[in-house]
Amino acid sequence: SDENLAEIKRHMGTQTIGFDKINQI
């Protein structure tokens, strides 16, 4: 849900600079 995603992103932004976008594309 929107509320869950906001909570996840708030902490994910501290946890990581991001996943492998080259593998995603």
PDBML (XML) file of the C-alpha atoms, coordinates in Angstrom:
<?xml version="1.0" encoding="UTF-8" ?>
<PDBx:datablock datablockName="MODEL"
   xmlns:PDBx="http://pdbml.pdb.org/schema/pdbx-v50.xsd"
   xmlns:xsi="http://www.w3.org/2001/XMLSchema-instance"
   xsi:schemaLocation="http://pdbml.pdb.org/schema/pdbx-v50.xsd pdbx-v50.xsd">
   <PDBx:atom_siteCategory>
      <PDBx:atom_site id="1">
         <PDBx:B_iso_or_equiv>0.00</PDBx:B_iso_or_equiv>
         <PDBx:Cartn_x>0.000</PDBx:Cartn_x>
         <PDBx:Cartn_y>0.000</PDBx:Cartn_y>
         <PDBx:Cartn_z>0.000</PDBx:Cartn_z>
         <PDBx:auth_asym_id>A</PDBx:auth_asym_id>
         <PDBx:auth_atom_id>CA</PDBx:auth_atom_id>
         <PDBx:auth_comp_id>SER</PDBx:auth_comp_id>
         <PDBx:auth_seq_id>1</PDBx:auth_seq_id>
         <PDBx:group_PDB>ATOM</PDBx:group_PDB>
         <PDBx:label_alt_id xsi:nil="true" />
         <PDBx:label_asym_id>A</PDBx:label_asym_id>
         <PDBx:label_atom_id>CA</PDBx:label_atom_id>
         <PDBx:label_comp_id>SER</PDBx:label_comp_id>
         <PDBx:label_entity_id>1</PDBx:label_entity_id>
         <PDBx:label_seq_id>1</PDBx:label_seq_id>
         <PDBx:occupancy>1.00</PDBx:occupancy>
         <PDBx:pdbx_PDB_model_num>1</PDBx:pdbx_PDB_model_num>
         <PDBx:type_symbol>C</PDBx:type_symbol>
      </PDBx:atom_site>
      <PDBx:atom_site id="2">
         <PDBx:B_iso_or_equiv>0.00</PDBx:B_iso_or_equiv>
         <PDBx:Cartn_x>1.001</PDBx:Cartn_x>
         <PDBx:Cartn_y>3.667</PDBx:Cartn_y>
         <PDBx:Cartn_z>-0.266</PDBx:Cartn_z>
         <PDBx:auth_asym_id>A</PDBx:auth_asym_id>
         <PDBx:auth_atom_id>CA</PDBx:auth_atom_id>
         <PDBx:auth_comp_id>ASP</PDBx:auth_comp_id>
         <PDBx:auth_seq_id>2</PDBx:auth_seq_id>
         <PDBx:group_PDB>ATOM</PDBx:group_PDB>
         <PDBx:label_alt_id xsi:nil="true" />
         <PDBx:label_asym_id>A</PDBx:label_asym_id>
         <PDBx:label_atom_id>CA</PDBx:label_atom_id>
         <PDBx:label_comp_id>ASP</PDBx:label_comp_id>
         <PDBx:label_entity_id>1</PDBx:label_entity_id>
         <PDBx:label_seq_id>2</PDBx:label_seq_id>
         <PDBx:occupancy>1.00</PDBx:occupancy>
         <PDBx:pdbx_PDB_model_num>1</PDBx:pdbx_PDB_model_num>
         <PDBx:type_symbol>C</PDBx:type_symbol>
      </PDBx:atom_site>
      <PDBx:atom_site id="3">
         <PDBx:B_iso_or_equiv>0.00</PDBx:B_iso_or_equiv>
         <PDBx:Cartn_x>1.460</PDBx:Cartn_x>
         <PDBx:Cartn_y>3.903</PDBx:Cartn_y>
         <PDBx:Cartn_z>3.506</PDBx:Cartn_z>
         <PDBx:auth_asym_id>A</PDBx:auth_asym_id>
         <PDBx:auth_atom_id>CA</PDBx:auth_atom_id>
         <PDBx:auth_comp_id>GLU</PDBx:auth_comp_id>
         <PDBx:auth_seq_id>3</PDBx:auth_seq_id>
         <PDBx:group_PDB>ATOM</PDBx:group_PDB>
         <PDBx:label_alt_id xsi:nil="true" />
         <PDBx:label_asym_id>A</PDBx:label_asym_id>
         <PDBx:label_atom_id>CA</PDBx:label_atom_id>
         <PDBx:label_comp_id>GLU</PDBx:label_comp_id>
         <PDBx:label_entity_id>1</PDBx:label_entity_id>
         <PDBx:label_seq_id>3</PDBx:label_seq_id>
         <PDBx:occupancy>1.00</PDBx:occupancy>
         <PDBx:pdbx_PDB_model_num>1</PDBx:pdbx_PDB_model_num>
         <PDBx:type_symbol>C</PDBx:type_symbol>
      </PDBx:atom_site>
      <PDBx:atom_site id="4">
         <PDBx:B_iso_or_equiv>0.00</PDBx:B_iso_or_equiv>
         <PDBx:Cartn_x>3.584</PDBx:Cartn_x>
         <PDBx:Cartn_y>0.773</PDBx:Cartn_y>
         <PDBx:Cartn_z>3.680</PDBx:Cartn_z>
         <PDBx:auth_asym_id>A</PDBx:auth_asym_id>
         <PDBx:auth_atom_id>CA</PDBx:auth_atom_id>
         <PDBx:auth_comp_id>ASN</PDBx:auth_comp_id>
         <PDBx:auth_seq_id>4</PDBx:auth_seq_id>
         <PDBx:group_PDB>ATOM</PDBx:group_PDB>
         <PDBx:label_alt_id xsi:nil="true" />
         <PDBx:label_asym_id>A</PDBx:label_asym_id>
         <PDBx:label_atom_id>CA</PDBx:label_atom_id>
         <PDBx:label_comp_id>ASN</PDBx:label_comp_id>
         <PDBx:label_entity_id>1</PDBx:label_entity_id>
         <PDBx:label_seq_id>4</PDBx:label_seq_id>
         <PDBx:occupancy>1.00</PDBx:occupancy>
         <PDBx:pdbx_PDB_model_num>1</PDBx:pdbx_PDB_model_num>
         <PDBx:type_symbol>C</PDBx:type_symbol>
      </PDBx:atom_site>
      <PDBx:atom_site id="5">
         <PDBx:B_iso_or_equiv>0.00</PDBx:B_iso_or_equiv>
         <PDBx:Cartn_x>5.720</PDBx:Cartn_x>
         <PDBx:Cartn_y>1.928</PDBx:Cartn_y>
         <PDBx:Cartn_z>0.750</PDBx:Cartn_z>
         <PDBx:auth_asym_id>A</PDBx:auth_asym_id>
         <PDBx:auth_atom_id>CA</PDBx:auth_atom_id>
         <PDBx:auth_comp_id>LEU</PDBx:auth_comp_id>
         <PDBx:auth_seq_id>5</PDBx:auth_seq_id>
         <PDBx:group_PDB>ATOM</PDBx:group_PDB>
         <PDBx:label_alt_id xsi:nil="true" />
         <PDBx:label_asym_id>A</PDBx:label_asym_id>
         <PDBx:label_atom_id>CA</PDBx:label_atom_id>
         <PDBx:label_comp_id>LEU</PDBx:label_comp_id>
         <PDBx:label_entity_id>1</PDBx:label_entity_id>
         <PDBx:label_seq_id>5</PDBx:label_seq_id>
         <PDBx:occupancy>1.00</PDBx:occupancy>
         <PDBx:pdbx_PDB_model_num>1</PDBx:pdbx_PDB_model_num>
         <PDBx:type_symbol>C</PDBx:type_symbol>
      </PDBx:atom_site>
      <PDBx:atom_site id="6">
         <PDBx:B_iso_or_equiv>0.00</PDBx:B_iso_or_equiv>
         <PDBx:Cartn_x>6.347</PDBx:Cartn_x>
         <PDBx:Cartn_y>5.306</PDBx:Cartn_y>
         <PDBx:Cartn_z>2.367</PDBx:Cartn_z>
         <PDBx:auth_asym_id>A</PDBx:auth_asym_id>
         <PDBx:auth_atom_id>CA</PDBx:auth_atom_id>
         <PDBx:auth_comp_id>ALA</PDBx:auth_comp_id>
         <PDBx:auth_seq_id>6</PDBx:auth_seq_id>
         <PDBx:group_PDB>ATOM</PDBx:group_PDB>
         <PDBx:label_alt_id xsi:nil="true" />
         <PDBx:label_asym_id>A</PDBx:label_asym_id>
         <PDBx:label_atom_id>CA</PDBx:label_atom_id>
         <PDBx:label_comp_id>ALA</PDBx:label_comp_id>
         <PDBx:label_entity_id>1</PDBx:label_entity_id>
         <PDBx:label_seq_id>6</PDBx:label_seq_id>
         <PDBx:occupancy>1.00</PDBx:occupancy>
         <PDBx:pdbx_PDB_model_num>1</PDBx:pdbx_PDB_model_num>
         <PDBx:type_symbol>C</PDBx:type_symbol>
      </PDBx:atom_site>
      <PDBx:atom_site id="7">
         <PDBx:B_iso_or_equiv>0.00</PDBx:B_iso_or_equiv>
         <PDBx:Cartn_x>7.507</PDBx:Cartn_x>
         <PDBx:Cartn_y>3.523</PDBx:Cartn_y>
         <PDBx:Cartn_z>5.525</PDBx:Cartn_z>
         <PDBx:auth_asym_id>A</PDBx:auth_asym_id>
         <PDBx:auth_atom_id>CA</PDBx:auth_atom_id>
         <PDBx:auth_comp_id>GLU</PDBx:auth_comp_id>
         <PDBx:auth_seq_id>7</PDBx:auth_seq_id>
         <PDBx:group_PDB>ATOM</PDBx:group_PDB>
         <PDBx:label_alt_id xsi:nil="true" />
         <PDBx:label_asym_id>A</PDBx:label_asym_id>
         <PDBx:label_atom_id>CA</PDBx:label_atom_id>
         <PDBx:label_comp_id>GLU</PDBx:label_comp_id>
         <PDBx:label_entity_id>1</PDBx:label_entity_id>
         <PDBx:label_seq_id>7</PDBx:label_seq_id>
         <PDBx:occupancy>1.00</PDBx:occupancy>
         <PDBx:pdbx_PDB_model_num>1</PDBx:pdbx_PDB_model_num>
         <PDBx:type_symbol>C</PDBx:type_symbol>
      </PDBx:atom_site>
      <PDBx:atom_site id="8">
         <PDBx:B_iso_or_equiv>0.00</PDBx:B_iso_or_equiv>
         <PDBx:Cartn_x>9.738</PDBx:Cartn_x>
         <PDBx:Cartn_y>1.127</PDBx:Cartn_y>
         <PDBx:Cartn_z>3.560</PDBx:Cartn_z>
         <PDBx:auth_asym_id>A</PDBx:auth_asym_id>
         <PDBx:auth_atom_id>CA</PDBx:auth_atom_id>
         <PDBx:auth_comp_id>ILE</PDBx:auth_comp_id>
         <PDBx:auth_seq_id>8</PDBx:auth_seq_id>
         <PDBx:group_PDB>ATOM</PDBx:group_PDB>
         <PDBx:label_alt_id xsi:nil="true" />
         <PDBx:label_asym_id>A</PDBx:label_asym_id>
         <PDBx:label_atom_id>CA</PDBx:label_atom_id>
         <PDBx:label_comp_id>ILE</PDBx:label_comp_id>
         <PDBx:label_entity_id>1</PDBx:label_entity_id>
         <PDBx:label_seq_id>8</PDBx:label_seq_id>
         <PDBx:occupancy>1.00</PDBx:occupancy>
         <PDBx:pdbx_PDB_model_num>1</PDBx:pdbx_PDB_model_num>
         <PDBx:type_symbol>C</PDBx:type_symbol>
      </PDBx:atom_site>
      <PDBx:atom_site id="9">
         <PDBx:B_iso_or_equiv>0.00</PDBx:B_iso_or_equiv>
         <PDBx:Cartn_x>11.334</PDBx:Cartn_x>
         <PDBx:Cartn_y>3.875</PDBx:Cartn_y>
         <PDBx:Cartn_z>1.454</PDBx:Cartn_z>
         <PDBx:auth_asym_id>A</PDBx:auth_asym_id>
         <PDBx:auth_atom_id>CA</PDBx:auth_atom_id>
         <PDBx:auth_comp_id>LYS</PDBx:auth_comp_id>
         <PDBx:auth_seq_id>9</PDBx:auth_seq_id>
         <PDBx:group_PDB>ATOM</PDBx:group_PDB>
         <PDBx:label_alt_id xsi:nil="true" />
         <PDBx:label_asym_id>A</PDBx:label_asym_id>
         <PDBx:label_atom_id>CA</PDBx:label_atom_id>
         <PDBx:label_comp_id>LYS</PDBx:label_comp_id>
         <PDBx:label_entity_id>1</PDBx:label_entity_id>
         <PDBx:label_seq_id>9</PDBx:label_seq_id>
         <PDBx:occupancy>1.00</PDBx:occupancy>
         <PDBx:pdbx_PDB_model_num>1</PDBx:pdbx_PDB_model_num>
         <PDBx:type_symbol>C</PDBx:type_symbol>
      </PDBx:atom_site>
      <PDBx:atom_site id="10">
         <PDBx:B_iso_or_equiv>0.00</PDBx:B_iso_or_equiv>
         <PDBx:Cartn_x>12.022</PDBx:Cartn_x>
         <PDBx:Cartn_y>6.021</PDBx:Cartn_y>
         <PDBx:Cartn_z>4.537</PDBx:Cartn_z>
         <PDBx:auth_asym_id>A</PDBx:auth_asym_id>
         <PDBx:auth_atom_id>CA</PDBx:auth_atom_id>
         <PDBx:auth_comp_id>ARG</PDBx:auth_comp_id>
         <PDBx:auth_seq_id>10</PDBx:auth_seq_id>
         <PDBx:group_PDB>ATOM</PDBx:group_PDB>
         <PDBx:label_alt_id xsi:nil="true" />
         <PDBx:label_asym_id>A</PDBx:label_asym_id>
         <PDBx:label_atom_id>CA</PDBx:label_atom_id>
         <PDBx:label_comp_id>ARG</PDBx:label_comp_id>
         <PDBx:label_entity_id>1</PDBx:label_entity_id>
         <PDBx:label_seq_id>10</PDBx:label_seq_id>
         <PDBx:occupancy>1.00</PDBx:occupancy>
         <PDBx:pdbx_PDB_model_num>1</PDBx:pdbx_PDB_model_num>
         <PDBx:type_symbol>C</PDBx:type_symbol>
      </PDBx:atom_site>
      <PDBx:atom_site id="11">
         <PDBx:B_iso_or_equiv>0.00</PDBx:B_iso_or_equiv>
         <PDBx:Cartn_x>14.293</PDBx:Cartn_x>
         <PDBx:Cartn_y>3.326</PDBx:Cartn_y>
         <PDBx:Cartn_z>5.948</PDBx:Cartn_z>
         <PDBx:auth_asym_id>A</PDBx:auth_asym_id>
         <PDBx:auth_atom_id>CA</PDBx:auth_atom_id>
         <PDBx:auth_comp_id>HIS</PDBx:auth_comp_id>
         <PDBx:auth_seq_id>11</PDBx:auth_seq_id>
         <PDBx:group_PDB>ATOM</PDBx:group_PDB>
         <PDBx:label_alt_id xsi:nil="true" />
         <PDBx:label_asym_id>A</PDBx:label_asym_id>
         <PDBx:label_atom_id>CA</PDBx:label_atom_id>
         <PDBx:label_comp_id>HIS</PDBx:label_comp_id>
         <PDBx:label_entity_id>1</PDBx:label_entity_id>
         <PDBx:label_seq_id>11</PDBx:label_seq_id>
         <PDBx:occupancy>1.00</PDBx:occupancy>
         <PDBx:pdbx_PDB_model_num>1</PDBx:pdbx_PDB_model_num>
         <PDBx:type_symbol>C</PDBx:type_symbol>
      </PDBx:atom_site>
      <PDBx:atom_site id="12">
         <PDBx:B_iso_or_equiv>0.00</PDBx:B_iso_or_equiv>
         <PDBx:Cartn_x>15.536</PDBx:Cartn_x>
         <PDBx:Cartn_y>1.963</PDBx:Cartn_y>
         <PDBx:Cartn_z>2.623</PDBx:Cartn_z>
         <PDBx:auth_asym_id>A</PDBx:auth_asym_id>
         <PDBx:auth_atom_id>CA</PDBx:auth_atom_id>
         <PDBx:auth_comp_id>MET</PDBx:auth_comp_id>
         <PDBx:auth_seq_id>12</PDBx:auth_seq_id>
         <PDBx:group_PDB>ATOM</PDBx:group_PDB>
         <PDBx:label_alt_id xsi:nil="true" />
         <PDBx:label_asym_id>A</PDBx:label_asym_id>
         <PDBx:label_atom_id>CA</PDBx:label_atom_id>
         <PDBx:label_comp_id>MET</PDBx:label_comp_id>
         <PDBx:label_entity_id>1</PDBx:label_entity_id>
         <PDBx:label_seq_id>12</PDBx:label_seq_id>
         <PDBx:occupancy>1.00</PDBx:occupancy>
         <PDBx:pdbx_PDB_model_num>1</PDBx:pdbx_PDB_model_num>
         <PDBx:type_symbol>C</PDBx:type_symbol>
      </PDBx:atom_site>
      <PDBx:atom_site id="13">
         <PDBx:B_iso_or_equiv>0.00</PDBx:B_iso_or_equiv>
         <PDBx:Cartn_x>17.011</PDBx:Cartn_x>
         <PDBx:Cartn_y>5.359</PDBx:Cartn_y>
         <PDBx:Cartn_z>1.801</PDBx:Cartn_z>
         <PDBx:auth_asym_id>A</PDBx:auth_asym_id>
         <PDBx:auth_atom_id>CA</PDBx:auth_atom_id>
         <PDBx:auth_comp_id>GLY</PDBx:auth_comp_id>
         <PDBx:auth_seq_id>13</PDBx:auth_seq_id>
         <PDBx:group_PDB>ATOM</PDBx:group_PDB>
         <PDBx:label_alt_id xsi:nil="true" />
         <PDBx:label_asym_id>A</PDBx:label_asym_id>
         <PDBx:label_atom_id>CA</PDBx:label_atom_id>
         <PDBx:label_comp_id>GLY</PDBx:label_comp_id>
         <PDBx:label_entity_id>1</PDBx:label_entity_id>
         <PDBx:label_seq_id>13</PDBx:label_seq_id>
         <PDBx:occupancy>1.00</PDBx:occupancy>
         <PDBx:pdbx_PDB_model_num>1</PDBx:pdbx_PDB_model_num>
         <PDBx:type_symbol>C</PDBx:type_symbol>
      </PDBx:atom_site>
      <PDBx:atom_site id="14">
         <PDBx:B_iso_or_equiv>0.00</PDBx:B_iso_or_equiv>
         <PDBx:Cartn_x>19.226</PDBx:Cartn_x>
         <PDBx:Cartn_y>4.997</PDBx:Cartn_y>
         <PDBx:Cartn_z>4.848</PDBx:Cartn_z>
         <PDBx:auth_asym_id>A</PDBx:auth_asym_id>
         <PDBx:auth_atom_id>CA</PDBx:auth_atom_id>
         <PDBx:auth_comp_id>THR</PDBx:auth_comp_id>
         <PDBx:auth_seq_id>14</PDBx:auth_seq_id>
         <PDBx:group_PDB>ATOM</PDBx:group_PDB>
         <PDBx:label_alt_id xsi:nil="true" />
         <PDBx:label_asym_id>A</PDBx:label_asym_id>
         <PDBx:label_atom_id>CA</PDBx:label_atom_id>
         <PDBx:label_comp_id>THR</PDBx:label_comp_id>
         <PDBx:label_entity_id>1</PDBx:label_entity_id>
         <PDBx:label_seq_id>14</PDBx:label_seq_id>
         <PDBx:occupancy>1.00</PDBx:occupancy>
         <PDBx:pdbx_PDB_model_num>1</PDBx:pdbx_PDB_model_num>
         <PDBx:type_symbol>C</PDBx:type_symbol>
      </PDBx:atom_site>
      <PDBx:atom_site id="15">
         <PDBx:B_iso_or_equiv>0.00</PDBx:B_iso_or_equiv>
         <PDBx:Cartn_x>19.989</PDBx:Cartn_x>
         <PDBx:Cartn_y>1.319</PDBx:Cartn_y>
         <PDBx:Cartn_z>4.310</PDBx:Cartn_z>
         <PDBx:auth_asym_id>A</PDBx:auth_asym_id>
         <PDBx:auth_atom_id>CA</PDBx:auth_atom_id>
         <PDBx:auth_comp_id>GLN</PDBx:auth_comp_id>
         <PDBx:auth_seq_id>15</PDBx:auth_seq_id>
         <PDBx:group_PDB>ATOM</PDBx:group_PDB>
         <PDBx:label_alt_id xsi:nil="true" />
         <PDBx:label_asym_id>A</PDBx:label_asym_id>
         <PDBx:label_atom_id>CA</PDBx:label_atom_id>
         <PDBx:label_comp_id>GLN</PDBx:label_comp_id>
         <PDBx:label_entity_id>1</PDBx:label_entity_id>
         <PDBx:label_seq_id>15</PDBx:label_seq_id>
         <PDBx:occupancy>1.00</PDBx:occupancy>
         <PDBx:pdbx_PDB_model_num>1</PDBx:pdbx_PDB_model_num>
         <PDBx:type_symbol>C</PDBx:type_symbol>
      </PDBx:atom_site>
      <PDBx:atom_site id="16">
         <PDBx:B_iso_or_equiv>0.00</PDBx:B_iso_or_equiv>
         <PDBx:Cartn_x>21.181</PDBx:Cartn_x>
         <PDBx:Cartn_y>1.374</PDBx:Cartn_y>
         <PDBx:Cartn_z>0.689</PDBx:Cartn_z>
         <PDBx:auth_asym_id>A</PDBx:auth_asym_id>
         <PDBx:auth_atom_id>CA</PDBx:auth_atom_id>
         <PDBx:auth_comp_id>THR</PDBx:auth_comp_id>
         <PDBx:auth_seq_id>16</PDBx:auth_seq_id>
         <PDBx:group_PDB>ATOM</PDBx:group_PDB>
         <PDBx:label_alt_id xsi:nil="true" />
         <PDBx:label_asym_id>A</PDBx:label_asym_id>
         <PDBx:label_atom_id>CA</PDBx:label_atom_id>
         <PDBx:label_comp_id>THR</PDBx:label_comp_id>
         <PDBx:label_entity_id>1</PDBx:label_entity_id>
         <PDBx:label_seq_id>16</PDBx:label_seq_id>
         <PDBx:occupancy>1.00</PDBx:occupancy>
         <PDBx:pdbx_PDB_model_num>1</PDBx:pdbx_PDB_model_num>
         <PDBx:type_symbol>C</PDBx:type_symbol>
      </PDBx:atom_site>
      <PDBx:atom_site id="17">
         <PDBx:B_iso_or_equiv>0.00</PDBx:B_iso_or_equiv>
         <PDBx:Cartn_x>22.098</PDBx:Cartn_x>
         <PDBx:Cartn_y>3.606</PDBx:Cartn_y>
         <PDBx:Cartn_z>-2.229</PDBx:Cartn_z>
         <PDBx:auth_asym_id>A</PDBx:auth_asym_id>
         <PDBx:auth_atom_id>CA</PDBx:auth_atom_id>
         <PDBx:auth_comp_id>ILE</PDBx:auth_comp_id>
         <PDBx:auth_seq_id>17</PDBx:auth_seq_id>
         <PDBx:group_PDB>ATOM</PDBx:group_PDB>
         <PDBx:label_alt_id xsi:nil="true" />
         <PDBx:label_asym_id>A</PDBx:label_asym_id>
         <PDBx:label_atom_id>CA</PDBx:label_atom_id>
         <PDBx:label_comp_id>ILE</PDBx:label_comp_id>
         <PDBx:label_entity_id>1</PDBx:label_entity_id>
         <PDBx:label_seq_id>17</PDBx:label_seq_id>
         <PDBx:occupancy>1.00</PDBx:occupancy>
         <PDBx:pdbx_PDB_model_num>1</PDBx:pdbx_PDB_model_num>
         <PDBx:type_symbol>C</PDBx:type_symbol>
      </PDBx:atom_site>
      <PDBx:atom_site id="18">
         <PDBx:B_iso_or_equiv>0.00</PDBx:B_iso_or_equiv>
         <PDBx:Cartn_x>20.101</PDBx:Cartn_x>
         <PDBx:Cartn_y>1.299</PDBx:Cartn_y>
         <PDBx:Cartn_z>-4.464</PDBx:Cartn_z>
         <PDBx:auth_asym_id>A</PDBx:auth_asym_id>
         <PDBx:auth_atom_id>CA</PDBx:auth_atom_id>
         <PDBx:auth_comp_id>GLY</PDBx:auth_comp_id>
         <PDBx:auth_seq_id>18</PDBx:auth_seq_id>
         <PDBx:group_PDB>ATOM</PDBx:group_PDB>
         <PDBx:label_alt_id xsi:nil="true" />
         <PDBx:label_asym_id>A</PDBx:label_asym_id>
         <PDBx:label_atom_id>CA</PDBx:label_atom_id>
         <PDBx:label_comp_id>GLY</PDBx:label_comp_id>
         <PDBx:label_entity_id>1</PDBx:label_entity_id>
         <PDBx:label_seq_id>18</PDBx:label_seq_id>
         <PDBx:occupancy>1.00</PDBx:occupancy>
         <PDBx:pdbx_PDB_model_num>1</PDBx:pdbx_PDB_model_num>
         <PDBx:type_symbol>C</PDBx:type_symbol>
      </PDBx:atom_site>
      <PDBx:atom_site id="19">
         <PDBx:B_iso_or_equiv>0.00</PDBx:B_iso_or_equiv>
         <PDBx:Cartn_x>19.968</PDBx:Cartn_x>
         <PDBx:Cartn_y>-2.102</PDBx:Cartn_y>
         <PDBx:Cartn_z>-6.120</PDBx:Cartn_z>
         <PDBx:auth_asym_id>A</PDBx:auth_asym_id>
         <PDBx:auth_atom_id>CA</PDBx:auth_atom_id>
         <PDBx:auth_comp_id>PHE</PDBx:auth_comp_id>
         <PDBx:auth_seq_id>19</PDBx:auth_seq_id>
         <PDBx:group_PDB>ATOM</PDBx:group_PDB>
         <PDBx:label_alt_id xsi:nil="true" />
         <PDBx:label_asym_id>A</PDBx:label_asym_id>
         <PDBx:label_atom_id>CA</PDBx:label_atom_id>
         <PDBx:label_comp_id>PHE</PDBx:label_comp_id>
         <PDBx:label_entity_id>1</PDBx:label_entity_id>
         <PDBx:label_seq_id>19</PDBx:label_seq_id>
         <PDBx:occupancy>1.00</PDBx:occupancy>
         <PDBx:pdbx_PDB_model_num>1</PDBx:pdbx_PDB_model_num>
         <PDBx:type_symbol>C</PDBx:type_symbol>
      </PDBx:atom_site>
      <PDBx:atom_site id="20">
         <PDBx:B_iso_or_equiv>0.00</PDBx:B_iso_or_equiv>
         <PDBx:Cartn_x>21.445</PDBx:Cartn_x>
         <PDBx:Cartn_y>-3.229</PDBx:Cartn_y>
         <PDBx:Cartn_z>-9.441</PDBx:Cartn_z>
         <PDBx:auth_asym_id>A</PDBx:auth_asym_id>
         <PDBx:auth_atom_id>CA</PDBx:auth_atom_id>
         <PDBx:auth_comp_id>ASP</PDBx:auth_comp_id>
         <PDBx:auth_seq_id>20</PDBx:auth_seq_id>
         <PDBx:group_PDB>ATOM</PDBx:group_PDB>
         <PDBx:label_alt_id xsi:nil="true" />
         <PDBx:label_asym_id>A</PDBx:label_asym_id>
         <PDBx:label_atom_id>CA</PDBx:label_atom_id>
         <PDBx:label_comp_id>ASP</PDBx:label_comp_id>
         <PDBx:label_entity_id>1</PDBx:label_entity_id>
         <PDBx:label_seq_id>20</PDBx:label_seq_id>
         <PDBx:occupancy>1.00</PDBx:occupancy>
         <PDBx:pdbx_PDB_model_num>1</PDBx:pdbx_PDB_model_num>
         <PDBx:type_symbol>C</PDBx:type_symbol>
      </PDBx:atom_site>
      <PDBx:atom_site id="21">
         <PDBx:B_iso_or_equiv>0.00</PDBx:B_iso_or_equiv>
         <PDBx:Cartn_x>19.630</PDBx:Cartn_x>
         <PDBx:Cartn_y>-1.059</PDBx:Cartn_y>
         <PDBx:Cartn_z>-11.980</PDBx:Cartn_z>
         <PDBx:auth_asym_id>A</PDBx:auth_asym_id>
         <PDBx:auth_atom_id>CA</PDBx:auth_atom_id>
         <PDBx:auth_comp_id>LYS</PDBx:auth_comp_id>
         <PDBx:auth_seq_id>21</PDBx:auth_seq_id>
         <PDBx:group_PDB>ATOM</PDBx:group_PDB>
         <PDBx:label_alt_id xsi:nil="true" />
         <PDBx:label_asym_id>A</PDBx:label_asym_id>
         <PDBx:label_atom_id>CA</PDBx:label_atom_id>
         <PDBx:label_comp_id>LYS</PDBx:label_comp_id>
         <PDBx:label_entity_id>1</PDBx:label_entity_id>
         <PDBx:label_seq_id>21</PDBx:label_seq_id>
         <PDBx:occupancy>1.00</PDBx:occupancy>
         <PDBx:pdbx_PDB_model_num>1</PDBx:pdbx_PDB_model_num>
         <PDBx:type_symbol>C</PDBx:type_symbol>
      </PDBx:atom_site>
      <PDBx:atom_site id="22">
         <PDBx:B_iso_or_equiv>0.00</PDBx:B_iso_or_equiv>
         <PDBx:Cartn_x>21.644</PDBx:Cartn_x>
         <PDBx:Cartn_y>-2.482</PDBx:Cartn_y>
         <PDBx:Cartn_z>-14.893</PDBx:Cartn_z>
         <PDBx:auth_asym_id>A</PDBx:auth_asym_id>
         <PDBx:auth_atom_id>CA</PDBx:auth_atom_id>
         <PDBx:auth_comp_id>ILE</PDBx:auth_comp_id>
         <PDBx:auth_seq_id>22</PDBx:auth_seq_id>
         <PDBx:group_PDB>ATOM</PDBx:group_PDB>
         <PDBx:label_alt_id xsi:nil="true" />
         <PDBx:label_asym_id>A</PDBx:label_asym_id>
         <PDBx:label_atom_id>CA</PDBx:label_atom_id>
         <PDBx:label_comp_id>ILE</PDBx:label_comp_id>
         <PDBx:label_entity_id>1</PDBx:label_entity_id>
         <PDBx:label_seq_id>22</PDBx:label_seq_id>
         <PDBx:occupancy>1.00</PDBx:occupancy>
         <PDBx:pdbx_PDB_model_num>1</PDBx:pdbx_PDB_model_num>
         <PDBx:type_symbol>C</PDBx:type_symbol>
      </PDBx:atom_site>
      <PDBx:atom_site id="23">
         <PDBx:B_iso_or_equiv>0.00</PDBx:B_iso_or_equiv>
         <PDBx:Cartn_x>20.321</PDBx:Cartn_x>
         <PDBx:Cartn_y>-5.958</PDBx:Cartn_y>
         <PDBx:Cartn_z>-14.103</PDBx:Cartn_z>
         <PDBx:auth_asym_id>A</PDBx:auth_asym_id>
         <PDBx:auth_atom_id>CA</PDBx:auth_atom_id>
         <PDBx:auth_comp_id>ASN</PDBx:auth_comp_id>
         <PDBx:auth_seq_id>23</PDBx:auth_seq_id>
         <PDBx:group_PDB>ATOM</PDBx:group_PDB>
         <PDBx:label_alt_id xsi:nil="true" />
         <PDBx:label_asym_id>A</PDBx:label_asym_id>
         <PDBx:label_atom_id>CA</PDBx:label_atom_id>
         <PDBx:label_comp_id>ASN</PDBx:label_comp_id>
         <PDBx:label_entity_id>1</PDBx:label_entity_id>
         <PDBx:label_seq_id>23</PDBx:label_seq_id>
         <PDBx:occupancy>1.00</PDBx:occupancy>
         <PDBx:pdbx_PDB_model_num>1</PDBx:pdbx_PDB_model_num>
         <PDBx:type_symbol>C</PDBx:type_symbol>
      </PDBx:atom_site>
      <PDBx:atom_site id="24">
         <PDBx:B_iso_or_equiv>0.00</PDBx:B_iso_or_equiv>
         <PDBx:Cartn_x>16.820</PDBx:Cartn_x>
         <PDBx:Cartn_y>-4.549</PDBx:Cartn_y>
         <PDBx:Cartn_z>-13.840</PDBx:Cartn_z>
         <PDBx:auth_asym_id>A</PDBx:auth_asym_id>
         <PDBx:auth_atom_id>CA</PDBx:auth_atom_id>
         <PDBx:auth_comp_id>GLN</PDBx:auth_comp_id>
         <PDBx:auth_seq_id>24</PDBx:auth_seq_id>
         <PDBx:group_PDB>ATOM</PDBx:group_PDB>
         <PDBx:label_alt_id xsi:nil="true" />
         <PDBx:label_asym_id>A</PDBx:label_asym_id>
         <PDBx:label_atom_id>CA</PDBx:label_atom_id>
         <PDBx:label_comp_id>GLN</PDBx:label_comp_id>
         <PDBx:label_entity_id>1</PDBx:label_entity_id>
         <PDBx:label_seq_id>24</PDBx:label_seq_id>
         <PDBx:occupancy>1.00</PDBx:occupancy>
         <PDBx:pdbx_PDB_model_num>1</PDBx:pdbx_PDB_model_num>
         <PDBx:type_symbol>C</PDBx:type_symbol>
      </PDBx:atom_site>
      <PDBx:atom_site id="25">
         <PDBx:B_iso_or_equiv>0.00</PDBx:B_iso_or_equiv>
         <PDBx:Cartn_x>16.962</PDBx:Cartn_x>
         <PDBx:Cartn_y>-2.890</PDBx:Cartn_y>
         <PDBx:Cartn_z>-17.275</PDBx:Cartn_z>
         <PDBx:auth_asym_id>A</PDBx:auth_asym_id>
         <PDBx:auth_atom_id>CA</PDBx:auth_atom_id>
         <PDBx:auth_comp_id>ILE</PDBx:auth_comp_id>
         <PDBx:auth_seq_id>25</PDBx:auth_seq_id>
         <PDBx:group_PDB>ATOM</PDBx:group_PDB>
         <PDBx:label_alt_id xsi:nil="true" />
         <PDBx:label_asym_id>A</PDBx:label_asym_id>
         <PDBx:label_atom_id>CA</PDBx:label_atom_id>
         <PDBx:label_comp_id>ILE</PDBx:label_comp_id>
         <PDBx:label_entity_id>1</PDBx:label_entity_id>
         <PDBx:label_seq_id>25</PDBx:label_seq_id>
         <PDBx:occupancy>1.00</PDBx:occupancy>
         <PDBx:pdbx_PDB_model_num>1</PDBx:pdbx_PDB_model_num>
         <PDBx:type_symbol>C</PDBx:type_symbol>
      </PDBx:atom_site>
   </PDBx:atom_siteCategory>
</PDBx:datablock>
